Amino acid sequence: MSLLIRGVTNFISLTDTPASYAGQKTKVPQVSEAEDALEFGTPGAKNFLALTDTPASYAGQKTKVPQVNEAENALEFIAAARFTTTKIFDGRTASPPTLYLRGVTRYPNYNPVDSGGRMQRSIAIAIDGNIYVGGGRYFTVDIWNNQWWKYNVAGGAWTRLTDLPANYGFTVNWRSCTGYYNGKIYLRAEYLDNAYNRKLLEYDIAGDSWAVYDTFGDLHSARYVLAACTDALYLAVDTTFKKWDYTTHTWTDLAALGDAPRAGGIIGDEVYAVYDDKTYKYNKVGNTWDDQAHPRPSGYVGFVCGCYIEDMDELWGLSYTTEKVYKYTTAGGWVQQFTYARDSRVWNFMLQLTGEDKIYCYFDNPESYLDYDDLVACGSIHVYDPDSLNWELLGVDLDQGDFMIIDPGGVPVLMEKDGILKLTVSELTTFFITEAGRYRFILSKDYSFTDVNIWRSVWG
């Protein structure tokens, strides 16, 4: 004989489950806290907002996405990541490589493209890692700038120094009228309060102070050459030529030039002058002007030479009628180097620091030259690298993942990193940076960067 025992046939009849369904609708069975029975419990959240570690509302959060918060204990809504695009080079306004003299822009700006307007008849010289700039005025009104500034090339900062002693203006004809000797900068001032003037300004760098001395010649002369040698300061005004003693501050007559100089300067410790179609060196022993058999570039009425080369081993000159730039050495004479990089009035001074090959091309002309497409002027400095025969457009630190956009305006723009050519762009191009570091964007000396534009897009 056998006994058949039937098992429980429903859930609530089990000994480890609730005794009734009453009042338990929508609940779900779950293991109890003691883990020795089942019970009815509230089900989990049915939507994102019902979670305890999420925002409480969708209101005001459209297009945003959730992310783990900074404390890593909840979610939050944030704006979706996207590229933020910034133009980092604008060829039309020359920004950069233009180093605007921002400290002199407090007065009304007649032309929104230039850097302030008060730089016509200003002066520039490069000494000991610094570019000194000052003087000038507005072109159309007598608002003068007697400020004197120093730009540190390595540090990239302008420092205002002691103002000029009065409202002095300097050459408007791109002449060599600057010099340096024994810690002092020498400048020939052509104007004072908009009247012709013939003063010699002496700036003591260490003392940050000025002294003013008389020179000579007719009050107005568009052709002159100043050369601060170790034995004396030499000055040619038209055909008159004299030297100035640094100690007694007196002038001594020397042999006259055959004609008023168009250009000139100092190489080594010797004085050079260019007129007619020849280049002459002054013979200090014989007190004569010796023909160097190095004719200046022929056919260029506008050939001038406003330059200061700190190493004093060469001269630079330009022809503003043909837009060509030349370098003079005692071995090779005048040799063309490059052409202008923009459709603007030409720069007034070419500067070079000791140990550098780069030429800093300084503009002083204001917004009055409206027949040019590019109105950049008034205290801007363009950097040319004759070593690579390129204009240096931009040096910038880029990160891996940066998205670059280059519109070269129909000219080839080169991108280098660590001296290695990475890319040549001749049309609108986009690309990602795959290696972080310092990048240089350059352009051949034979092209204008007027229409070159470069953008950087950062994801975030």
Protein backbone atom coordinates (compact mmCIF):
# COMPACT_ATOMS: atom_id res chain seq x y z
CA MET A 1 0.00 0.00 0.00
CA SER A 2 1.30 3.49 -0.83
CA LEU A 3 0.36 7.08 0.18
CA LEU A 4 0.43 9.88 -2.49
CA ILE A 5 0.95 13.41 -1.10
CA ARG A 6 0.21 16.26 -3.52
CA GLY A 7 2.47 19.40 -3.41
CA VAL A 8 1.30 23.04 -3.04
CA THR A 9 -0.29 24.27 -6.25
CA ASN A 10 -0.10 28.14 -5.86
CA PHE A 11 2.44 30.81 -4.82
CA ILE A 12 0.78 32.18 -1.65
CA SER A 13 0.32 28.68 -0.26
CA LEU A 14 4.05 28.28 0.05
CA THR A 15 5.38 28.54 3.60
CA ASP A 16 8.03 31.21 2.65
CA THR A 17 5.79 33.62 0.72
CA PRO A 18 3.23 36.30 1.66
CA ALA A 19 -0.17 34.92 2.70
CA SER A 20 -2.29 37.14 0.40
CA TYR A 21 -2.29 39.13 -2.87
CA ALA A 22 -4.55 41.79 -1.36
CA GLY A 23 -2.98 45.32 -1.48
CA GLN A 24 0.03 44.14 -3.46
CA LYS A 25 -0.90 45.19 -7.00
CA THR A 26 2.05 46.13 -9.29
CA LYS A 27 4.50 44.84 -6.68
CA VAL A 28 6.97 42.12 -7.45
CA PRO A 29 8.25 39.22 -5.37
CA GLN A 30 11.70 39.68 -3.95
CA VAL A 31 13.96 37.98 -1.42
CA SER A 32 13.54 39.44 2.05
CA GLU A 33 16.23 41.38 3.89
CA ALA A 34 16.83 38.30 6.12
CA GLU A 35 17.22 36.22 2.98
CA ASP A 36 14.92 33.51 4.42
CA ALA A 37 11.65 34.15 2.54
CA LEU A 38 10.01 35.97 -0.35
CA GLU A 39 7.97 39.15 -0.05
CA PHE A 40 6.17 41.63 -2.30
CA GLY A 41 8.26 44.74 -2.98
CA THR A 42 8.05 47.97 -5.00
CA PRO A 43 9.42 47.50 -8.53
CA GLY A 44 12.51 49.44 -9.78
CA ALA A 45 12.40 52.79 -11.57
CA LYS A 46 10.62 52.74 -14.89
CA ASN A 47 12.23 55.96 -16.34
CA PHE A 48 15.54 57.85 -16.19
CA LEU A 49 14.29 60.73 -14.02
CA ALA A 50 12.99 58.32 -11.38
CA LEU A 51 16.50 57.15 -10.57
CA THR A 52 17.93 58.55 -7.35
CA ASP A 53 21.28 59.57 -8.94
CA THR A 54 19.96 61.52 -11.93
CA PRO A 55 18.55 65.03 -12.50
CA ALA A 56 14.94 65.45 -11.45
CA SER A 57 13.65 67.13 -14.63
CA TYR A 58 14.18 67.40 -18.39
CA ALA A 59 13.07 71.05 -18.37
CA GLY A 60 15.74 73.43 -19.73
CA GLN A 61 18.04 70.61 -20.77
CA LYS A 62 17.26 70.28 -24.49
CA THR A 63 20.15 68.99 -26.68
CA LYS A 64 22.23 68.26 -23.54
CA VAL A 65 23.66 64.84 -22.71
CA PRO A 66 24.18 63.00 -19.39
CA GLN A 67 27.62 62.48 -17.91
CA VAL A 68 29.07 61.34 -14.59
CA ASN A 69 29.58 64.37 -12.33
CA GLU A 70 32.88 65.56 -10.87
CA ALA A 71 32.21 63.77 -7.54
CA GLU A 72 31.53 60.53 -9.44
CA ASN A 73 28.38 59.84 -7.41
CA ALA A 74 25.59 60.84 -9.82
CA LEU A 75 24.71 61.80 -13.38
CA GLU A 76 24.18 65.33 -14.66
CA PHE A 77 23.17 67.03 -17.92
CA ILE A 78 25.85 68.94 -19.89
CA ALA A 79 26.06 70.57 -23.30
CA ALA A 80 27.08 68.11 -25.99
CA ALA A 81 30.76 68.35 -26.99
CA ARG A 82 31.51 70.16 -30.25
CA PHE A 83 34.30 71.99 -32.04
CA THR A 84 34.97 75.58 -30.96
CA THR A 85 36.60 77.37 -33.89
CA THR A 86 38.95 80.36 -33.59
CA LYS A 87 40.76 82.22 -36.38
CA ILE A 88 44.43 82.21 -35.40
CA PHE A 89 45.83 83.94 -38.49
CA ASP A 90 44.23 86.66 -40.60
CA GLY A 91 46.35 87.76 -43.54
CA ARG A 92 44.15 90.74 -44.30
CA THR A 93 44.86 92.41 -40.96
CA ALA A 94 48.32 90.85 -40.49
CA SER A 95 47.40 89.37 -37.14
CA PRO A 96 49.82 87.70 -36.41
CA PRO A 97 52.72 88.02 -37.33
CA THR A 98 52.11 91.72 -36.82
CA LEU A 99 53.29 92.86 -33.41
CA TYR A 100 51.07 95.86 -32.93
CA LEU A 101 52.35 98.64 -30.74
CA ARG A 102 49.32 98.31 -28.52
CA GLY A 103 50.52 100.74 -25.90
CA VAL A 104 50.15 103.65 -28.31
CA THR A 105 46.56 103.03 -29.37
CA ARG A 106 44.67 105.00 -26.71
CA TYR A 107 43.65 107.76 -29.10
CA PRO A 108 40.83 107.41 -31.68
CA ASN A 109 41.68 105.00 -34.44
CA TYR A 110 41.01 106.56 -37.84
CA ASN A 111 41.34 103.24 -39.59
CA PRO A 112 40.07 100.13 -37.78
CA VAL A 113 42.66 97.96 -39.52
CA ASP A 114 45.78 99.78 -38.39
CA SER A 115 47.14 99.98 -34.87
CA GLY A 116 46.24 103.48 -33.86
CA GLY A 117 47.37 105.94 -36.48
CA ARG A 118 49.84 107.97 -34.43
CA MET A 119 52.95 106.39 -35.90
CA GLN A 120 53.73 108.40 -39.02
CA ARG A 121 57.30 109.72 -38.73
CA SER A 122 58.05 107.25 -35.92
CA ILE A 123 61.43 105.56 -35.55
CA ALA A 124 62.66 102.02 -34.79
CA ILE A 125 65.98 100.39 -33.90
CA ALA A 126 66.94 96.88 -32.70
CA ILE A 127 69.47 96.54 -29.87
CA ASP A 128 70.37 93.71 -27.48
CA GLY A 129 67.27 91.58 -27.99
CA ASN A 130 64.88 94.53 -27.99
CA ILE A 131 63.16 96.66 -30.62
CA TYR A 132 62.80 100.31 -29.61
CA VAL A 133 59.98 102.30 -31.19
CA GLY A 134 58.68 105.81 -30.63
CA GLY A 135 57.76 109.24 -31.87
CA GLY A 136 55.30 110.05 -34.62
CA ARG A 137 51.90 111.62 -35.14
CA TYR A 138 48.59 111.26 -36.93
CA PHE A 139 48.89 111.97 -40.64
CA THR A 140 46.03 114.43 -40.97
CA VAL A 141 45.98 116.19 -37.60
CA ASP A 142 48.61 117.36 -35.17
CA ILE A 143 48.07 114.73 -32.49
CA TRP A 144 51.57 113.71 -31.55
CA ASN A 145 53.00 110.60 -30.01
CA ASN A 146 56.10 111.38 -27.98
CA GLN A 147 56.05 107.97 -26.33
CA TRP A 148 59.05 105.64 -26.36
CA TRP A 149 58.58 101.87 -26.11
CA LYS A 150 60.69 98.72 -25.95
CA TYR A 151 59.57 95.38 -27.37
CA ASN A 152 61.40 92.34 -26.00
CA VAL A 153 61.55 89.83 -28.83
CA ALA A 154 62.09 86.76 -26.65
CA GLY A 155 59.51 87.68 -24.03
CA GLY A 156 56.99 89.13 -26.47
CA ALA A 157 56.10 92.11 -24.30
CA TRP A 158 56.05 95.89 -24.74
CA THR A 159 57.42 98.15 -21.99
CA ARG A 160 56.84 101.89 -21.95
CA LEU A 161 59.98 103.92 -21.27
CA THR A 162 60.65 107.60 -20.64
CA ASP A 163 58.88 109.76 -23.22
CA LEU A 164 60.81 111.66 -25.88
CA PRO A 165 61.81 115.17 -24.68
CA ALA A 166 59.30 116.78 -27.07
CA ASN A 167 57.01 116.04 -30.02
CA TYR A 168 59.74 114.77 -32.32
CA GLY A 169 59.13 113.18 -35.68
CA PHE A 170 61.65 111.31 -37.76
CA THR A 171 62.23 110.38 -41.38
CA VAL A 172 59.35 110.01 -43.80
CA ASN A 173 61.74 108.91 -46.55
CA TRP A 174 63.05 105.63 -45.17
CA ARG A 175 66.55 106.95 -44.44
CA SER A 176 69.23 105.55 -42.15
CA CYS A 177 68.92 107.92 -39.22
CA THR A 178 69.55 105.63 -36.23
CA GLY A 179 72.70 104.49 -34.46
CA TYR A 180 74.00 102.87 -31.28
CA TYR A 181 77.25 103.21 -29.38
CA ASN A 182 78.35 102.48 -25.81
CA GLY A 183 74.90 101.95 -24.31
CA LYS A 184 73.24 104.87 -26.07
CA ILE A 185 70.84 105.11 -29.01
CA TYR A 186 71.22 108.04 -31.43
CA LEU A 187 68.36 109.36 -33.57
CA ARG A 188 68.27 112.20 -36.06
CA ALA A 189 64.94 114.03 -35.64
CA GLU A 190 63.59 115.62 -38.81
CA TYR A 191 60.54 117.29 -37.21
CA LEU A 192 59.50 119.04 -34.03
CA ASP A 193 55.83 119.96 -33.63
CA ASN A 194 55.34 119.51 -37.39
CA ALA A 195 58.10 122.02 -38.21
CA TYR A 196 61.40 120.97 -39.78
CA ASN A 197 64.07 120.30 -37.21
CA ARG A 198 67.70 119.17 -37.09
CA LYS A 199 68.27 117.75 -33.61
CA LEU A 200 70.27 114.72 -32.55
CA LEU A 201 68.57 112.74 -29.77
CA GLU A 202 70.65 110.60 -27.43
CA TYR A 203 68.86 107.93 -25.38
CA ASP A 204 70.73 106.37 -22.45
CA ILE A 205 69.40 102.81 -22.17
CA ALA A 206 70.61 102.13 -18.64
CA GLY A 207 69.48 105.49 -17.32
CA ASP A 208 66.26 105.60 -19.39
CA SER A 209 66.94 109.26 -20.10
CA TRP A 210 67.29 111.65 -23.04
CA ALA A 211 69.69 114.35 -24.15
CA VAL A 212 69.27 116.65 -27.18
CA TYR A 213 72.05 118.16 -29.35
CA ASP A 214 72.20 120.35 -32.45
CA THR A 215 73.21 119.05 -35.85
CA PHE A 216 73.66 121.04 -39.08
CA GLY A 217 72.44 121.57 -42.63
CA ASP A 218 69.29 122.95 -44.14
CA LEU A 219 66.23 122.53 -41.99
CA HIS A 220 64.61 120.23 -44.54
CA SER A 221 66.57 117.42 -46.17
CA ALA A 222 65.16 114.17 -47.47
CA ARG A 223 68.56 112.51 -47.93
CA TYR A 224 70.91 111.73 -45.10
CA VAL A 225 72.88 108.91 -43.48
CA LEU A 226 73.78 108.48 -39.80
CA ALA A 227 76.49 106.04 -38.70
CA ALA A 228 77.49 105.62 -35.05
CA CYS A 229 81.04 104.26 -35.28
CA THR A 230 83.37 103.57 -32.36
CA ASP A 231 85.52 106.65 -32.98
CA ALA A 232 82.74 109.14 -33.70
CA LEU A 233 79.20 109.58 -34.91
CA TYR A 234 79.11 110.40 -38.64
CA LEU A 235 76.28 112.25 -40.33
CA ALA A 236 75.76 113.11 -43.99
CA VAL A 237 73.00 115.63 -44.76
CA ASP A 238 72.67 116.17 -48.49
CA THR A 239 76.31 116.51 -49.58
CA THR A 240 77.57 117.89 -46.25
CA PHE A 241 79.42 115.34 -44.16
CA LYS A 242 80.65 115.74 -40.55
CA LYS A 243 81.60 113.73 -37.50
CA TRP A 244 80.47 114.30 -33.90
CA ASP A 245 82.60 113.70 -30.83
CA TYR A 246 80.82 111.59 -28.19
CA THR A 247 82.55 113.44 -25.34
CA THR A 248 82.78 117.09 -26.42
CA HIS A 249 79.57 117.00 -28.50
CA THR A 250 81.19 119.04 -31.25
CA TRP A 251 81.07 118.65 -35.04
CA THR A 252 84.07 118.43 -37.38
CA ASP A 253 83.84 119.03 -41.14
CA LEU A 254 84.81 116.15 -43.42
CA ALA A 255 85.01 115.56 -47.17
CA ALA A 256 81.72 116.29 -48.89
CA LEU A 257 79.79 113.66 -50.82
CA GLY A 258 79.50 113.90 -54.58
CA ASP A 259 75.69 113.89 -54.29
CA ALA A 260 73.01 113.59 -51.64
CA PRO A 261 72.82 109.95 -50.49
CA ARG A 262 69.77 107.84 -51.20
CA ALA A 263 70.87 105.11 -48.82
CA GLY A 264 73.74 104.07 -46.60
CA GLY A 265 74.78 102.94 -43.15
CA ILE A 266 77.57 101.20 -41.33
CA ILE A 267 79.43 97.93 -42.00
CA GLY A 268 82.09 96.93 -39.53
CA ASP A 269 83.18 100.35 -38.35
CA GLU A 270 83.03 101.98 -41.78
CA VAL A 271 80.53 104.43 -43.25
CA TYR A 272 78.81 103.65 -46.56
CA ALA A 273 76.72 105.94 -48.76
CA VAL A 274 74.76 105.20 -51.93
CA TYR A 275 73.99 107.84 -54.55
CA ASP A 276 73.66 108.04 -58.30
CA ASP A 277 74.29 104.44 -59.31
CA LYS A 278 77.28 103.78 -57.06
CA THR A 279 78.13 102.70 -53.51
CA TYR A 280 80.87 104.55 -51.65
CA LYS A 281 82.86 103.87 -48.46
CA TYR A 282 84.33 106.72 -46.45
CA ASN A 283 88.10 106.47 -46.04
CA LYS A 284 88.73 107.77 -42.51
CA VAL A 285 92.50 107.96 -42.98
CA GLY A 286 92.48 109.77 -46.30
CA ASN A 287 89.23 111.70 -45.70
CA THR A 288 87.88 110.60 -49.09
CA TRP A 289 84.91 108.72 -50.48
CA ASP A 290 86.05 105.56 -52.30
CA ASP A 291 83.96 103.95 -55.03
CA GLN A 292 83.30 100.32 -54.12
CA ALA A 293 82.45 99.29 -57.70
CA HIS A 294 79.11 98.02 -56.42
CA PRO A 295 76.35 99.86 -58.30
CA ARG A 296 73.02 100.16 -56.61
CA PRO A 297 70.11 98.43 -58.39
CA SER A 298 69.64 100.46 -61.54
CA GLY A 299 66.43 102.12 -62.66
CA TYR A 300 64.89 102.44 -59.21
CA VAL A 301 64.16 106.04 -58.36
CA GLY A 302 62.57 104.90 -55.10
CA PHE A 303 65.62 103.04 -53.79
CA VAL A 304 66.08 103.75 -50.07
CA CYS A 305 67.72 102.14 -47.07
CA GLY A 306 66.11 102.59 -43.68
CA CYS A 307 67.79 99.81 -41.77
CA TYR A 308 69.68 98.98 -38.61
CA ILE A 309 71.63 95.71 -38.58
CA GLU A 310 73.03 95.15 -35.10
CA ASP A 311 75.90 92.94 -36.28
CA MET A 312 76.88 95.71 -38.73
CA ASP A 313 77.92 93.22 -41.39
CA GLU A 314 75.50 94.19 -44.16
CA LEU A 315 73.02 96.81 -45.35
CA TRP A 316 69.43 96.33 -46.47
CA GLY A 317 67.60 98.50 -48.97
CA LEU A 318 64.33 98.50 -50.83
CA SER A 319 62.75 99.96 -53.92
CA TYR A 320 59.27 101.15 -53.14
CA THR A 321 58.58 101.66 -56.85
CA THR A 322 59.26 98.03 -57.84
CA GLU A 323 58.47 96.27 -54.53
CA LYS A 324 61.86 94.57 -54.31
CA VAL A 325 64.23 94.25 -51.36
CA TYR A 326 68.02 94.06 -51.56
CA LYS A 327 70.92 93.16 -49.27
CA TYR A 328 74.38 94.69 -49.56
CA THR A 329 77.59 92.98 -48.50
CA THR A 330 81.14 94.07 -49.18
CA ALA A 331 81.78 90.81 -51.04
CA GLY A 332 78.68 90.61 -53.20
CA GLY A 333 77.29 94.11 -53.54
CA TRP A 334 73.52 94.64 -53.85
CA VAL A 335 71.57 91.40 -54.38
CA GLN A 336 67.80 91.08 -54.51
CA GLN A 337 66.38 89.07 -51.60
CA PHE A 338 62.58 89.06 -51.77
CA THR A 339 59.46 91.06 -52.62
CA TYR A 340 56.76 92.52 -50.40
CA ALA A 341 54.31 90.09 -48.87
CA ARG A 342 51.26 92.32 -48.94
CA ASP A 343 49.53 95.02 -50.93
CA SER A 344 50.33 97.85 -48.56
CA ARG A 345 52.56 100.86 -48.25
CA VAL A 346 56.11 99.58 -47.73
CA TRP A 347 57.75 99.37 -44.34
CA ASN A 348 60.10 102.11 -43.23
CA PHE A 349 62.85 100.25 -41.39
CA MET A 350 64.42 96.82 -41.62
CA LEU A 351 65.93 95.65 -38.34
CA GLN A 352 68.10 92.69 -37.40
CA LEU A 353 69.28 91.57 -33.97
CA THR A 354 72.70 90.12 -33.21
CA GLY A 355 72.94 86.42 -34.01
CA GLU A 356 69.65 86.35 -35.92
CA ASP A 357 68.94 85.98 -39.61
CA LYS A 358 65.37 87.23 -39.31
CA ILE A 359 64.55 90.68 -40.59
CA TYR A 360 61.99 92.69 -38.63
CA CYS A 361 60.19 94.95 -41.11
CA TYR A 362 58.70 97.95 -39.36
CA PHE A 363 55.82 100.07 -40.73
CA ASP A 364 55.26 103.65 -39.66
CA ASN A 365 52.95 104.90 -42.43
CA PRO A 366 49.36 105.57 -41.39
CA GLU A 367 45.95 105.08 -42.87
CA SER A 368 46.40 107.79 -45.50
CA TYR A 369 47.46 105.36 -48.23
CA LEU A 370 44.00 104.20 -49.20
CA ASP A 371 45.01 103.06 -52.69
CA TYR A 372 46.31 99.79 -51.20
CA ASP A 373 44.19 96.76 -50.37
CA ASP A 374 46.00 96.19 -47.07
CA LEU A 375 45.85 99.13 -44.72
CA VAL A 376 48.04 97.61 -42.02
CA ALA A 377 50.54 100.18 -40.84
CA CYS A 378 51.39 102.39 -37.90
CA GLY A 379 53.68 100.44 -35.63
CA SER A 380 53.33 96.94 -37.06
CA ILE A 381 56.30 94.64 -37.49
CA HIS A 382 56.49 91.79 -40.01
CA VAL A 383 59.06 89.03 -39.55
CA TYR A 384 60.96 87.66 -42.54
CA ASP A 385 63.28 84.66 -42.33
CA PRO A 386 65.90 84.93 -45.10
CA ASP A 387 67.48 81.68 -43.93
CA SER A 388 64.53 79.68 -45.25
CA LEU A 389 63.47 82.33 -47.78
CA ASN A 390 60.05 82.40 -46.17
CA TRP A 391 57.71 84.74 -44.37
CA GLU A 392 56.97 83.38 -40.92
CA LEU A 393 53.21 83.64 -40.68
CA LEU A 394 52.54 82.01 -37.35
CA GLY A 395 54.08 79.97 -34.56
CA VAL A 396 51.50 78.22 -32.37
CA ASP A 397 51.27 75.38 -29.85
CA LEU A 398 48.74 72.75 -31.00
CA ASP A 399 47.32 69.71 -29.19
CA GLN A 400 46.60 66.23 -30.47
CA GLY A 401 43.08 66.17 -31.88
CA ASP A 402 42.93 69.86 -32.84
CA PHE A 403 41.02 70.29 -36.08
CA MET A 404 42.71 72.77 -38.44
CA ILE A 405 41.22 74.73 -41.34
CA ILE A 406 43.53 76.56 -43.76
CA ASP A 407 42.37 78.77 -46.61
CA PRO A 408 45.64 79.79 -48.31
CA GLY A 409 43.98 82.14 -50.77
CA GLY A 410 45.59 80.44 -53.72
CA VAL A 411 49.19 80.48 -52.48
CA PRO A 412 51.16 77.57 -50.94
CA VAL A 413 51.31 77.64 -47.15
CA LEU A 414 53.80 75.31 -45.46
CA MET A 415 53.43 73.78 -42.00
CA GLU A 416 56.53 72.69 -40.09
CA LYS A 417 57.18 70.98 -36.75
CA ASP A 418 60.67 70.65 -35.26
CA GLY A 419 62.14 71.88 -38.53
CA ILE A 420 60.42 69.16 -40.57
CA LEU A 421 57.91 69.99 -43.28
CA LYS A 422 54.62 68.32 -42.35
CA LEU A 423 52.20 69.71 -44.91
CA THR A 424 51.90 72.03 -47.90
CA VAL A 425 48.48 73.57 -48.44
CA SER A 426 47.53 75.22 -51.73
CA GLU A 427 43.72 75.14 -51.44
CA LEU A 428 41.09 75.08 -48.70
CA THR A 429 42.18 72.16 -46.50
CA THR A 430 41.06 70.58 -43.23
CA PHE A 431 43.03 68.12 -41.11
CA PHE A 432 43.58 66.84 -37.56
CA ILE A 433 46.73 67.35 -35.50
CA THR A 434 48.06 63.92 -34.55
CA GLU A 435 51.07 65.03 -32.52
CA ALA A 436 51.06 67.85 -29.97
CA GLY A 437 53.79 70.47 -30.16
CA ARG A 438 54.92 73.78 -31.64
CA TYR A 439 54.01 74.31 -35.28
CA ARG A 440 55.21 77.01 -37.70
CA PHE A 441 53.21 78.18 -40.69
CA ILE A 442 55.36 79.79 -43.38
CA LEU A 443 55.02 81.20 -46.88
CA SER A 444 57.49 81.60 -49.72
CA LYS A 445 59.05 85.01 -50.13
CA ASP A 446 57.50 85.26 -53.60
CA TYR A 447 53.88 85.27 -52.43
CA SER A 448 51.55 87.62 -50.58
CA PHE A 449 49.84 86.39 -47.40
CA THR A 450 47.00 88.91 -47.75
CA ASP A 451 44.32 86.25 -48.36
CA VAL A 452 45.72 83.55 -46.08
CA ASN A 453 43.45 82.54 -43.17
CA ILE A 454 44.03 79.82 -40.58
CA TRP A 455 41.51 78.50 -38.04
CA ARG A 456 41.94 76.14 -35.09
CA SER A 457 39.00 74.04 -33.84
CA VAL A 458 39.15 72.47 -30.39
CA TRP A 459 36.76 69.67 -29.31
CA GLY A 460 35.08 70.21 -25.99
